[in-house]
């Protein structure tokens, strides 16, 4: 079960919270009572996360390397 803390408390208690993560606790950081981000212990991240995120990318959009190549081409840089 995650614990909820404010962004201010997160900044003030960062080292202590790292220890909580070692105990396999999830921490949800709130800003103005709305979830801002969640921190989970590394072991809880699914091993196939990178594969799944690659599958979710929008292949209709050029990647950063393609954009860089186009910019260099337009500028006449080789």
C-alpha atoms as a PDB file:
ATOM      1  CA  UNK A   1       0.000   0.000   0.000  1.00  0.00           C
ATOM      2  CA  UNK A   2       1.526   3.327  -1.005  1.00  0.00           C
ATOM      3  CA  UNK A   3       2.161   6.178   1.367  1.00  0.00           C
ATOM      4  CA  UNK A   4       1.151   9.692   0.330  1.00  0.00           C
ATOM      5  CA  UNK A   5       3.278  12.759   1.016  1.00  0.00           C
ATOM      6  CA  UNK A   6       3.411  16.353  -0.176  1.00  0.00           C
ATOM      7  CA  UNK A   7       6.104  17.569  -2.564  1.00  0.00           C
ATOM      8  CA  UNK A   8       7.471  19.744   0.263  1.00  0.00           C
ATOM      9  CA  UNK A   9       7.708  16.765   2.606  1.00  0.00           C
ATOM     10  CA  UNK A  10       9.355  14.743  -0.173  1.00  0.00           C
ATOM     11  CA  UNK A  11      12.122  17.354  -0.483  1.00  0.00           C
ATOM     12  CA  UNK A  12      12.594  17.552   3.295  1.00  0.00           C
ATOM     13  CA  UNK A  13      12.625  13.795   3.977  1.00  0.00           C
ATOM     14  CA  UNK A  14      14.293  12.459   0.819  1.00  0.00           C
ATOM     15  CA  UNK A  15      17.000  10.347   2.556  1.00  0.00           C
ATOM     16  CA  UNK A  16      14.498   8.846   4.948  1.00  0.00           C
ATOM     17  CA  UNK A  17      12.171   8.008   2.072  1.00  0.00           C
ATOM     18  CA  UNK A  18      14.952   6.159   0.275  1.00  0.00           C
ATOM     19  CA  UNK A  19      15.089   3.851   3.283  1.00  0.00           C
ATOM     20  CA  UNK A  20      11.314   3.342   3.051  1.00  0.00           C
ATOM     21  CA  UNK A  21      11.748   2.274  -0.564  1.00  0.00           C
ATOM     22  CA  UNK A  22      14.240  -0.356   0.560  1.00  0.00           C
ATOM     23  CA  UNK A  23      11.387  -1.800   2.640  1.00  0.00           C
ATOM     24  CA  UNK A  24       9.373  -2.111  -0.584  1.00  0.00           C
ATOM     25  CA  UNK A  25       6.992   0.735   0.047  1.00  0.00           C
ATOM     26  CA  UNK A  26       5.563   2.828  -2.741  1.00  0.00           C
ATOM     27  CA  UNK A  27       5.477   6.591  -2.299  1.00  0.00           C
ATOM     28  CA  UNK A  28       3.008   8.880  -4.056  1.00  0.00           C
ATOM     29  CA  UNK A  29       4.053  12.534  -4.070  1.00  0.00           C
ATOM     30  CA  UNK A  30       1.222  15.054  -4.113  1.00  0.00           C
ATOM     31  CA  UNK A  31       1.166  18.684  -5.168  1.00  0.00           C
ATOM     32  CA  UNK A  32      -1.903  20.646  -4.143  1.00  0.00           C
ATOM     33  CA  UNK A  33      -3.561  17.364  -3.135  1.00  0.00           C
ATOM     34  CA  UNK A  34      -3.169  15.891  -6.628  1.00  0.00           C
ATOM     35  CA  UNK A  35      -0.803  13.009  -7.458  1.00  0.00           C
ATOM     36  CA  UNK A  36       2.352  14.340  -9.078  1.00  0.00           C
ATOM     37  CA  UNK A  37       4.408  11.148  -9.365  1.00  0.00           C
ATOM     38  CA  UNK A  38       4.875   7.741  -7.778  1.00  0.00           C
ATOM     39  CA  UNK A  39       8.162   6.208  -6.693  1.00  0.00           C
ATOM     40  CA  UNK A  40       8.417   2.439  -6.540  1.00  0.00           C
ATOM     41  CA  UNK A  41      11.314   0.198  -5.551  1.00  0.00           C
ATOM     42  CA  UNK A  42      13.365  -0.830  -8.578  1.00  0.00           C
ATOM     43  CA  UNK A  43      12.527  -4.512  -8.136  1.00  0.00           C
ATOM     44  CA  UNK A  44       8.834  -3.724  -8.644  1.00  0.00           C
ATOM     45  CA  UNK A  45       9.381  -2.402 -12.166  1.00  0.00           C
ATOM     46  CA  UNK A  46       8.314  -5.053 -14.673  1.00  0.00           C
ATOM     47  CA  UNK A  47      11.316  -6.541 -16.466  1.00  0.00           C
ATOM     48  CA  UNK A  48       9.667  -6.044 -19.852  1.00  0.00           C
ATOM     49  CA  UNK A  49       8.903  -2.350 -19.277  1.00  0.00           C
ATOM     50  CA  UNK A  50      11.321  -1.126 -21.954  1.00  0.00           C
ATOM     51  CA  UNK A  51       9.943  -3.594 -24.479  1.00  0.00           C
ATOM     52  CA  UNK A  52       6.391  -2.509 -23.706  1.00  0.00           C
ATOM     53  CA  UNK A  53       7.260   1.185 -23.943  1.00  0.00           C
ATOM     54  CA  UNK A  54       8.894   0.624 -27.341  1.00  0.00           C
ATOM     55  CA  UNK A  55       5.699  -1.029 -28.538  1.00  0.00           C
ATOM     56  CA  UNK A  56       3.699   2.000 -27.402  1.00  0.00           C
ATOM     57  CA  UNK A  57       5.749   4.532 -29.362  1.00  0.00           C
ATOM     58  CA  UNK A  58       4.018   6.338 -32.181  1.00  0.00           C
ATOM     59  CA  UNK A  59       5.751   5.056 -35.301  1.00  0.00           C
ATOM     60  CA  UNK A  60       3.975   7.658 -37.420  1.00  0.00           C
ATOM     61  CA  UNK A  61       6.201  10.316 -35.807  1.00  0.00           C
ATOM     62  CA  UNK A  62       9.926  10.570 -36.656  1.00  0.00           C
ATOM     63  CA  UNK A  63      12.363   9.696 -33.886  1.00  0.00           C
ATOM     64  CA  UNK A  64      14.976  12.136 -32.575  1.00  0.00           C
ATOM     65  CA  UNK A  65      17.730  10.764 -34.810  1.00  0.00           C
ATOM     66  CA  UNK A  66      15.560  11.283 -37.873  1.00  0.00           C
ATOM     67  CA  UNK A  67      14.719  14.838 -36.777  1.00  0.00           C
ATOM     68  CA  UNK A  68      18.410  15.575 -36.169  1.00  0.00           C
ATOM     69  CA  UNK A  69      19.310  14.217 -39.619  1.00  0.00           C
ATOM     70  CA  UNK A  70      16.665  16.419 -41.268  1.00  0.00           C
ATOM     71  CA  UNK A  71      17.798  19.549 -39.381  1.00  0.00           C
ATOM     72  CA  UNK A  72      21.437  18.936 -40.338  1.00  0.00           C
ATOM     73  CA  UNK A  73      20.405  18.352 -43.939  1.00  0.00           C
ATOM     74  CA  UNK A  74      18.437  21.606 -44.037  1.00  0.00           C
ATOM     75  CA  UNK A  75      21.346  23.524 -42.511  1.00  0.00           C
ATOM     76  CA  UNK A  76      23.772  21.974 -44.972  1.00  0.00           C
ATOM     77  CA  UNK A  77      25.785  20.318 -42.199  1.00  0.00           C
ATOM     78  CA  UNK A  78      27.428  17.021 -43.076  1.00  0.00           C
END
